C-alpha cells in the first residue's frame, strides 16, 4: 500500500461510537451521497461491527485458459496474496462486479484473515462455506452465498488499486465502517473531520429519541430547535456527572 497519512486512534474510537446511518448523514452534509455499500449484509450480525483501513482486491471475469485449480499453487495469486497482505486494523474489500454466481472466498480464507488480525472482509460477490463463516466471530459482509469456486467466474488481478464495490468507489487506505445495517466508506482525508461530529450526532439522536418516546412531536425536536439543543446540553452535562 502507498504511504498514507497516519490516522490517530481517537478517530477510530469516535467512529466506533457512530452508526453507518449517522456516518452517511455526515458524509451527505459534505456532498458525498454514494458511500454506503447497498445490498451487502453481515453474515453474523452478532459479530459485524468494525472500523478499518481498506485493502482492495479487484476481480475481472474469469478466462478458461487461466483460471484452473493449479492457479492456487502460485503464492503470488492475487486472491491468496491479498489474504496474506491484509493485517491488523485492515479490512479486505473485494470488487467482484456484483456477480454472485461464484464465491469470492471461503471459510479457510476468512479464518486466515481473522488469525492475521484483520478486522473484516467486505465483498460485493458471494462466499462459500457460508454456514461456517456465519459462525465465525469475524465481520464478513457479502452480497450473497454460492458454493461455486471463485475461479468459475472471477479472475483476481490487482491488489491495492481503486475499485468499485457495490457501486461505491473505494481507494486503498479509505476507512470502512460496518454495523448491523451494512458498510460505509469514508474517504481517508475526511475520516478525522467526520469522526467527532458523527459521535456527537449519535449522542444527540439518543437524546432526541428519548424525547420522542416520551411523546414529543417532531417539530422542534427532530431536527432540534434552540430549546431542544439547550435541553440536550443539560442532559449531556448530567450524564457527564454520572447522573441519569
C-alpha atoms as a PDB file:
ATOM      1  CA  UNK A   1       0.000   0.000   0.000  1.00  0.00           C
ATOM      2  CA  UNK A   2       1.337   3.500  -0.770  1.00  0.00           C
ATOM      3  CA  UNK A   3       2.472   5.716   2.092  1.00  0.00           C
ATOM      4  CA  UNK A   4      -0.586   7.077   3.870  1.00  0.00           C
ATOM      5  CA  UNK A   5      -1.021   9.881   6.370  1.00  0.00           C
ATOM      6  CA  UNK A   6      -1.494   8.282   9.813  1.00  0.00           C
ATOM      7  CA  UNK A   7      -4.883   8.490  11.499  1.00  0.00           C
ATOM      8  CA  UNK A   8      -4.955   8.837  15.277  1.00  0.00           C
ATOM      9  CA  UNK A   9      -6.580   6.188  17.477  1.00  0.00           C
ATOM     10  CA  UNK A  10      -9.080   8.760  18.749  1.00  0.00           C
ATOM     11  CA  UNK A  11     -10.551   8.958  15.237  1.00  0.00           C
ATOM     12  CA  UNK A  12     -11.163   5.217  15.114  1.00  0.00           C
ATOM     13  CA  UNK A  13     -12.619   5.295  18.618  1.00  0.00           C
ATOM     14  CA  UNK A  14     -15.072   8.047  17.676  1.00  0.00           C
ATOM     15  CA  UNK A  15     -16.110   6.159  14.544  1.00  0.00           C
ATOM     16  CA  UNK A  16     -16.788   3.050  16.629  1.00  0.00           C
ATOM     17  CA  UNK A  17     -19.397   5.105  18.502  1.00  0.00           C
ATOM     18  CA  UNK A  18     -21.208   6.038  15.295  1.00  0.00           C
ATOM     19  CA  UNK A  19     -23.645   4.018  13.213  1.00  0.00           C
ATOM     20  CA  UNK A  20     -23.331   3.696   9.463  1.00  0.00           C
ATOM     21  CA  UNK A  21     -26.569   5.689   9.185  1.00  0.00           C
ATOM     22  CA  UNK A  22     -25.070   8.570  11.138  1.00  0.00           C
ATOM     23  CA  UNK A  23     -21.877   8.480   9.099  1.00  0.00           C
ATOM     24  CA  UNK A  24     -23.812   8.608   5.830  1.00  0.00           C
ATOM     25  CA  UNK A  25     -25.571  11.732   7.127  1.00  0.00           C
ATOM     26  CA  UNK A  26     -22.246  13.353   7.953  1.00  0.00           C
ATOM     27  CA  UNK A  27     -20.921  12.491   4.504  1.00  0.00           C
ATOM     28  CA  UNK A  28     -24.118  13.757   2.867  1.00  0.00           C
ATOM     29  CA  UNK A  29     -23.557  17.105   4.563  1.00  0.00           C
ATOM     30  CA  UNK A  30     -20.132  17.202   2.903  1.00  0.00           C
ATOM     31  CA  UNK A  31     -21.536  16.479  -0.541  1.00  0.00           C
ATOM     32  CA  UNK A  32     -20.914  12.694  -0.648  1.00  0.00           C
ATOM     33  CA  UNK A  33     -24.084  10.764  -1.418  1.00  0.00           C
ATOM     34  CA  UNK A  34     -22.868   7.382  -2.674  1.00  0.00           C
ATOM     35  CA  UNK A  35     -20.706   5.910   0.079  1.00  0.00           C
ATOM     36  CA  UNK A  36     -22.949   3.151   1.508  1.00  0.00           C
ATOM     37  CA  UNK A  37     -22.458  -0.339   0.067  1.00  0.00           C
ATOM     38  CA  UNK A  38     -26.070  -1.154  -0.693  1.00  0.00           C
ATOM     39  CA  UNK A  39     -27.013  -4.828  -0.720  1.00  0.00           C
ATOM     40  CA  UNK A  40     -24.125  -6.121   1.403  1.00  0.00           C
ATOM     41  CA  UNK A  41     -25.265  -7.751   4.637  1.00  0.00           C
ATOM     42  CA  UNK A  42     -23.357  -9.233   7.593  1.00  0.00           C
ATOM     43  CA  UNK A  43     -23.001 -12.997   7.717  1.00  0.00           C
ATOM     44  CA  UNK A  44     -23.017 -12.891  11.522  1.00  0.00           C
ATOM     45  CA  UNK A  45     -24.955  -9.912  12.921  1.00  0.00           C
ATOM     46  CA  UNK A  46     -23.589 -10.657  16.391  1.00  0.00           C
ATOM     47  CA  UNK A  47     -20.041 -10.033  15.121  1.00  0.00           C
ATOM     48  CA  UNK A  48     -20.322  -7.351  12.484  1.00  0.00           C
ATOM     49  CA  UNK A  49     -19.148  -4.050  13.939  1.00  0.00           C
ATOM     50  CA  UNK A  50     -15.754  -2.875  12.759  1.00  0.00           C
ATOM     51  CA  UNK A  51     -13.673   0.109  11.716  1.00  0.00           C
ATOM     52  CA  UNK A  52     -10.660  -0.428   9.488  1.00  0.00           C
ATOM     53  CA  UNK A  53      -8.445   0.709   6.653  1.00  0.00           C
ATOM     54  CA  UNK A  54      -9.286  -0.680   3.224  1.00  0.00           C
ATOM     55  CA  UNK A  55      -7.024  -3.101   1.423  1.00  0.00           C
ATOM     56  CA  UNK A  56      -8.565  -3.615  -2.013  1.00  0.00           C
ATOM     57  CA  UNK A  57      -8.737  -6.555  -4.428  1.00  0.00           C
ATOM     58  CA  UNK A  58     -10.054  -6.230  -7.992  1.00  0.00           C
ATOM     59  CA  UNK A  59     -11.533  -9.104  -9.969  1.00  0.00           C
ATOM     60  CA  UNK A  60     -12.367  -9.275 -13.666  1.00  0.00           C
ATOM     61  CA  UNK A  61     -14.349 -12.040 -15.404  1.00  0.00           C
ATOM     62  CA  UNK A  62     -12.564 -15.378 -15.472  1.00  0.00           C
ATOM     63  CA  UNK A  63     -10.876 -16.843 -18.544  1.00  0.00           C
ATOM     64  CA  UNK A  64     -10.852 -20.585 -19.042  1.00  0.00           C
ATOM     65  CA  UNK A  65      -7.216 -20.928 -20.055  1.00  0.00           C
ATOM     66  CA  UNK A  66      -6.022 -19.074 -16.953  1.00  0.00           C
ATOM     67  CA  UNK A  67      -8.423 -19.907 -14.156  1.00  0.00           C
ATOM     68  CA  UNK A  68      -7.718 -23.528 -13.311  1.00  0.00           C
ATOM     69  CA  UNK A  69      -7.233 -25.196  -9.930  1.00  0.00           C
ATOM     70  CA  UNK A  70      -3.445 -25.210 -10.278  1.00  0.00           C
ATOM     71  CA  UNK A  71      -3.504 -21.401 -10.285  1.00  0.00           C
ATOM     72  CA  UNK A  72      -3.789 -21.510  -6.491  1.00  0.00           C
ATOM     73  CA  UNK A  73      -0.372 -23.201  -6.214  1.00  0.00           C
ATOM     74  CA  UNK A  74       1.198 -19.856  -7.111  1.00  0.00           C
ATOM     75  CA  UNK A  75       1.768 -17.887  -3.864  1.00  0.00           C
ATOM     76  CA  UNK A  76       1.537 -14.720  -5.963  1.00  0.00           C
ATOM     77  CA  UNK A  77      -2.051 -15.491  -6.996  1.00  0.00           C
ATOM     78  CA  UNK A  78      -3.725 -12.132  -6.218  1.00  0.00           C
ATOM     79  CA  UNK A  79      -6.608 -13.584  -4.219  1.00  0.00           C
ATOM     80  CA  UNK A  80      -4.319 -15.625  -1.971  1.00  0.00           C
ATOM     81  CA  UNK A  81      -1.716 -12.859  -1.787  1.00  0.00           C
ATOM     82  CA  UNK A  82      -4.411 -10.396  -0.711  1.00  0.00           C
ATOM     83  CA  UNK A  83      -5.325 -12.679   2.188  1.00  0.00           C
ATOM     84  CA  UNK A  84      -1.658 -12.749   3.200  1.00  0.00           C
ATOM     85  CA  UNK A  85      -1.420  -8.968   2.820  1.00  0.00           C
ATOM     86  CA  UNK A  86      -4.304  -7.725   4.953  1.00  0.00           C
ATOM     87  CA  UNK A  87      -3.322  -7.367   8.608  1.00  0.00           C
ATOM     88  CA  UNK A  88      -4.184  -5.728  11.915  1.00  0.00           C
ATOM     89  CA  UNK A  89      -6.579  -2.816  11.628  1.00  0.00           C
ATOM     90  CA  UNK A  90      -7.294  -3.516   7.955  1.00  0.00           C
ATOM     91  CA  UNK A  91     -10.345  -4.760   6.053  1.00  0.00           C
ATOM     92  CA  UNK A  92     -10.143  -6.561   2.720  1.00  0.00           C
ATOM     93  CA  UNK A  93     -12.611  -5.013   0.267  1.00  0.00           C
ATOM     94  CA  UNK A  94     -13.256  -7.023  -2.910  1.00  0.00           C
ATOM     95  CA  UNK A  95     -14.586  -5.862  -6.258  1.00  0.00           C
ATOM     96  CA  UNK A  96     -16.465  -8.808  -7.767  1.00  0.00           C
ATOM     97  CA  UNK A  97     -18.587  -6.657 -10.088  1.00  0.00           C
ATOM     98  CA  UNK A  98     -21.646  -7.637  -8.058  1.00  0.00           C
ATOM     99  CA  UNK A  99     -21.569 -11.108  -9.636  1.00  0.00           C
ATOM    100  CA  UNK A 100     -22.973 -13.686  -7.195  1.00  0.00           C
ATOM    101  CA  UNK A 101     -22.630 -16.768  -9.388  1.00  0.00           C
ATOM    102  CA  UNK A 102     -19.446 -17.887  -7.607  1.00  0.00           C
ATOM    103  CA  UNK A 103     -17.772 -17.323  -4.259  1.00  0.00           C
ATOM    104  CA  UNK A 104     -15.133 -14.676  -3.699  1.00  0.00           C
ATOM    105  CA  UNK A 105     -13.723 -16.690  -0.786  1.00  0.00           C
ATOM    106  CA  UNK A 106     -14.452 -19.389   1.735  1.00  0.00           C
ATOM    107  CA  UNK A 107     -14.099 -20.300   5.382  1.00  0.00           C
ATOM    108  CA  UNK A 108     -10.384 -21.155   5.302  1.00  0.00           C
ATOM    109  CA  UNK A 109      -9.522 -17.768   3.817  1.00  0.00           C
ATOM    110  CA  UNK A 110     -11.757 -15.979   6.321  1.00  0.00           C
ATOM    111  CA  UNK A 111     -10.094 -17.877   9.144  1.00  0.00           C
ATOM    112  CA  UNK A 112      -6.653 -16.908   7.887  1.00  0.00           C
ATOM    113  CA  UNK A 113      -7.668 -13.237   7.806  1.00  0.00           C
ATOM    114  CA  UNK A 114      -9.023 -13.416  11.339  1.00  0.00           C
ATOM    115  CA  UNK A 115      -5.853 -15.063  12.627  1.00  0.00           C
ATOM    116  CA  UNK A 116      -3.750 -12.389  10.918  1.00  0.00           C
ATOM    117  CA  UNK A 117      -5.630  -9.717  12.883  1.00  0.00           C
ATOM    118  CA  UNK A 118      -7.678  -8.262  10.038  1.00  0.00           C
ATOM    119  CA  UNK A 119     -10.925  -6.589  11.080  1.00  0.00           C
ATOM    120  CA  UNK A 120     -13.322  -7.556   8.256  1.00  0.00           C
ATOM    121  CA  UNK A 121     -13.974  -8.966   4.804  1.00  0.00           C
ATOM    122  CA  UNK A 122     -16.231  -6.958   2.507  1.00  0.00           C
ATOM    123  CA  UNK A 123     -17.207  -8.256  -0.938  1.00  0.00           C
ATOM    124  CA  UNK A 124     -19.912  -7.396  -3.441  1.00  0.00           C
ATOM    125  CA  UNK A 125     -19.706 -11.025  -4.517  1.00  0.00           C
ATOM    126  CA  UNK A 126     -20.659 -14.168  -2.631  1.00  0.00           C
ATOM    127  CA  UNK A 127     -18.915 -16.523  -0.201  1.00  0.00           C
ATOM    128  CA  UNK A 128     -18.915 -20.311   0.057  1.00  0.00           C
ATOM    129  CA  UNK A 129     -18.828 -22.341   3.286  1.00  0.00           C
ATOM    130  CA  UNK A 130     -21.397 -19.812   4.412  1.00  0.00           C
ATOM    131  CA  UNK A 131     -22.761 -21.820   7.387  1.00  0.00           C
ATOM    132  CA  UNK A 132     -19.254 -21.970   8.872  1.00  0.00           C
ATOM    133  CA  UNK A 133     -18.495 -18.326   8.103  1.00  0.00           C
ATOM    134  CA  UNK A 134     -21.760 -17.334   9.776  1.00  0.00           C
ATOM    135  CA  UNK A 135     -20.428 -18.886  12.997  1.00  0.00           C
ATOM    136  CA  UNK A 136     -17.135 -17.001  12.897  1.00  0.00           C
ATOM    137  CA  UNK A 137     -16.572 -14.170  15.412  1.00  0.00           C
ATOM    138  CA  UNK A 138     -15.430 -12.034  12.491  1.00  0.00           C
ATOM    139  CA  UNK A 139     -17.221  -9.392  10.391  1.00  0.00           C
ATOM    140  CA  UNK A 140     -17.980 -10.619   6.858  1.00  0.00           C
ATOM    141  CA  UNK A 141     -20.245  -8.602   4.569  1.00  0.00           C
ATOM    142  CA  UNK A 142     -21.264 -10.026   1.199  1.00  0.00           C
ATOM    143  CA  UNK A 143     -23.927  -9.795  -1.470  1.00  0.00           C
ATOM    144  CA  UNK A 144     -24.870 -13.477  -1.374  1.00  0.00           C
ATOM    145  CA  UNK A 145     -23.869 -17.107  -0.981  1.00  0.00           C
ATOM    146  CA  UNK A 146     -22.580 -19.535  -3.589  1.00  0.00           C
ATOM    147  CA  UNK A 147     -20.914 -22.941  -3.290  1.00  0.00           C
ATOM    148  CA  UNK A 148     -19.250 -22.437  -6.677  1.00  0.00           C
ATOM    149  CA  UNK A 149     -15.469 -21.921  -6.719  1.00  0.00           C
ATOM    150  CA  UNK A 150     -14.364 -18.365  -7.463  1.00  0.00           C
ATOM    151  CA  UNK A 151     -12.313 -19.484 -10.496  1.00  0.00           C
ATOM    152  CA  UNK A 152     -15.543 -20.338 -12.304  1.00  0.00           C
ATOM    153  CA  UNK A 153     -16.487 -16.658 -12.525  1.00  0.00           C
ATOM    154  CA  UNK A 154     -13.737 -14.396 -11.144  1.00  0.00           C
ATOM    155  CA  UNK A 155     -10.142 -13.665 -12.118  1.00  0.00           C
ATOM    156  CA  UNK A 156      -8.279 -11.750  -9.402  1.00  0.00           C
ATOM    157  CA  UNK A 157      -5.894  -9.209 -10.922  1.00  0.00           C
ATOM    158  CA  UNK A 158      -4.946  -6.261  -8.686  1.00  0.00           C
ATOM    159  CA  UNK A 159      -4.278  -5.552  -5.005  1.00  0.00           C
ATOM    160  CA  UNK A 160      -4.466  -2.050  -3.549  1.00  0.00           C
ATOM    161  CA  UNK A 161      -5.821  -0.213  -6.552  1.00  0.00           C
ATOM    162  CA  UNK A 162      -9.000   1.897  -6.698  1.00  0.00           C
ATOM    163  CA  UNK A 163     -12.030  -0.377  -7.075  1.00  0.00           C
ATOM    164  CA  UNK A 164     -15.799  -0.276  -7.174  1.00  0.00           C
ATOM    165  CA  UNK A 165     -17.572  -2.309  -4.511  1.00  0.00           C
ATOM    166  CA  UNK A 166     -21.382  -2.389  -4.666  1.00  0.00           C
ATOM    167  CA  UNK A 167     -21.184   0.655  -6.908  1.00  0.00           C
ATOM    168  CA  UNK A 168     -19.097   2.698  -4.470  1.00  0.00           C
ATOM    169  CA  UNK A 169     -15.552   3.863  -5.227  1.00  0.00           C
ATOM    170  CA  UNK A 170     -13.050   2.514  -2.694  1.00  0.00           C
ATOM    171  CA  UNK A 171      -9.421   3.622  -2.617  1.00  0.00           C
ATOM    172  CA  UNK A 172      -6.662   1.838  -0.710  1.00  0.00           C
ATOM    173  CA  UNK A 173      -6.489   3.282   2.792  1.00  0.00           C
ATOM    174  CA  UNK A 174     -10.048   4.595   2.846  1.00  0.00           C
ATOM    175  CA  UNK A 175     -11.788   3.992   6.158  1.00  0.00           C
ATOM    176  CA  UNK A 176     -14.588   1.446   6.143  1.00  0.00           C
ATOM    177  CA  UNK A 177     -17.104   1.113   8.954  1.00  0.00           C
ATOM    178  CA  UNK A 178     -19.551  -1.746   9.423  1.00  0.00           C
ATOM    179  CA  UNK A 179     -22.529  -2.447  11.664  1.00  0.00           C
ATOM    180  CA  UNK A 180     -25.772  -4.421  11.561  1.00  0.00           C
ATOM    181  CA  UNK A 181     -27.073  -2.249   8.716  1.00  0.00           C
ATOM    182  CA  UNK A 182     -24.107  -2.586   6.382  1.00  0.00           C
ATOM    183  CA  UNK A 183     -20.846  -0.901   5.396  1.00  0.00           C
ATOM    184  CA  UNK A 184     -19.987   2.722   4.649  1.00  0.00           C
ATOM    185  CA  UNK A 185     -16.787   4.075   3.099  1.00  0.00           C
ATOM    186  CA  UNK A 186     -15.165   7.279   4.364  1.00  0.00           C
ATOM    187  CA  UNK A 187     -12.527   8.916   2.159  1.00  0.00           C
ATOM    188  CA  UNK A 188      -9.356   8.799   4.205  1.00  0.00           C
ATOM    189  CA  UNK A 189      -8.806  12.555   4.149  1.00  0.00           C
ATOM    190  CA  UNK A 190     -12.268  13.086   5.699  1.00  0.00           C
ATOM    191  CA  UNK A 191     -12.039  10.500   8.477  1.00  0.00           C
ATOM    192  CA  UNK A 192     -10.858  12.879  11.205  1.00  0.00           C
ATOM    193  CA  UNK A 193     -13.307  15.569  10.079  1.00  0.00           C
ATOM    194  CA  UNK A 194     -16.267  13.185  10.193  1.00  0.00           C
ATOM    195  CA  UNK A 195     -15.453  11.178  13.322  1.00  0.00           C
ATOM    196  CA  UNK A 196     -16.105  13.725  16.069  1.00  0.00           C
ATOM    197  CA  UNK A 197     -19.350  15.115  14.623  1.00  0.00           C
ATOM    198  CA  UNK A 198     -20.600  11.589  13.964  1.00  0.00           C
ATOM    199  CA  UNK A 199     -20.042  10.570  17.582  1.00  0.00           C
ATOM    200  CA  UNK A 200     -21.716  13.798  18.753  1.00  0.00           C
ATOM    201  CA  UNK A 201     -24.675  13.166  16.440  1.00  0.00           C
ATOM    202  CA  UNK A 202     -25.140   9.738  17.994  1.00  0.00           C
ATOM    203  CA  UNK A 203     -25.437  11.310  21.455  1.00  0.00           C
ATOM    204  CA  UNK A 204     -27.852  13.979  20.225  1.00  0.00           C
ATOM    205  CA  UNK A 205     -30.072  11.460  18.472  1.00  0.00           C
ATOM    206  CA  UNK A 206     -30.119   9.278  21.580  1.00  0.00           C
ATOM    207  CA  UNK A 207     -31.485  12.278  23.494  1.00  0.00           C
ATOM    208  CA  UNK A 208     -33.976  13.095  20.722  1.00  0.00           C
ATOM    209  CA  UNK A 209     -35.199   9.502  20.720  1.00  0.00           C
ATOM    210  CA  UNK A 210     -35.848   9.695  24.456  1.00  0.00           C
ATOM    211  CA  UNK A 211     -37.958  12.809  23.912  1.00  0.00           C
ATOM    212  CA  UNK A 212     -39.922  11.226  21.052  1.00  0.00           C
ATOM    213  CA  UNK A 213     -40.525   8.094  23.124  1.00  0.00           C
ATOM    214  CA  UNK A 214     -41.820  10.425  25.827  1.00  0.00           C
ATOM    215  CA  UNK A 215     -44.396  11.880  23.456  1.00  0.00           C
ATOM    216  CA  UNK A 216     -42.619  14.892  21.946  1.00  0.00           C
ATOM    217  CA  UNK A 217     -43.776  15.921  18.467  1.00  0.00           C
ATOM    218  CA  UNK A 218     -41.276  16.150  15.628  1.00  0.00           C
ATOM    219  CA  UNK A 219     -41.448  19.933  15.064  1.00  0.00           C
ATOM    220  CA  UNK A 220     -38.697  21.488  17.156  1.00  0.00           C
ATOM    221  CA  UNK A 221     -37.467  18.072  18.285  1.00  0.00           C
ATOM    222  CA  UNK A 222     -36.214  16.484  15.086  1.00  0.00           C
ATOM    223  CA  UNK A 223     -34.402  18.430  13.852  1.00  0.00           C
ATOM    224  CA  UNK A 224     -33.870  20.101  17.227  1.00  0.00           C
ATOM    225  CA  UNK A 225     -34.543  23.787  17.726  1.00  0.00           C
ATOM    226  CA  UNK A 226     -32.613  26.018  20.141  1.00  0.00           C
ATOM    227  CA  UNK A 227     -34.711  24.956  23.126  1.00  0.00           C
ATOM    228  CA  UNK A 228     -34.192  21.263  22.419  1.00  0.00           C
ATOM    229  CA  UNK A 229     -30.471  21.825  21.943  1.00  0.00           C
ATOM    230  CA  UNK A 230     -30.303  23.589  25.293  1.00  0.00           C
ATOM    231  CA  UNK A 231     -32.119  20.675  26.915  1.00  0.00           C
ATOM    232  CA  UNK A 232     -29.670  18.322  25.234  1.00  0.00           C
ATOM    233  CA  UNK A 233     -26.653  20.188  26.628  1.00  0.00           C
ATOM    234  CA  UNK A 234     -28.127  19.944  30.130  1.00  0.00           C
ATOM    235  CA  UNK A 235     -28.846  16.229  29.579  1.00  0.00           C
ATOM    236  CA  UNK A 236     -25.291  15.641  28.417  1.00  0.00           C
ATOM    237  CA  UNK A 237     -23.886  17.536  31.408  1.00  0.00           C
ATOM    238  CA  UNK A 238     -25.895  15.355  33.787  1.00  0.00           C
ATOM    239  CA  UNK A 239     -24.581  12.238  32.074  1.00  0.00           C
ATOM    240  CA  UNK A 240     -21.025  13.542  32.397  1.00  0.00           C
ATOM    241  CA  UNK A 241     -21.618  13.981  36.110  1.00  0.00           C
ATOM    242  CA  UNK A 242     -22.768  10.395  36.394  1.00  0.00           C
ATOM    243  CA  UNK A 243     -26.465  11.325  36.741  1.00  0.00           C
ATOM    244  CA  UNK A 244     -29.297   9.763  34.730  1.00  0.00           C
END
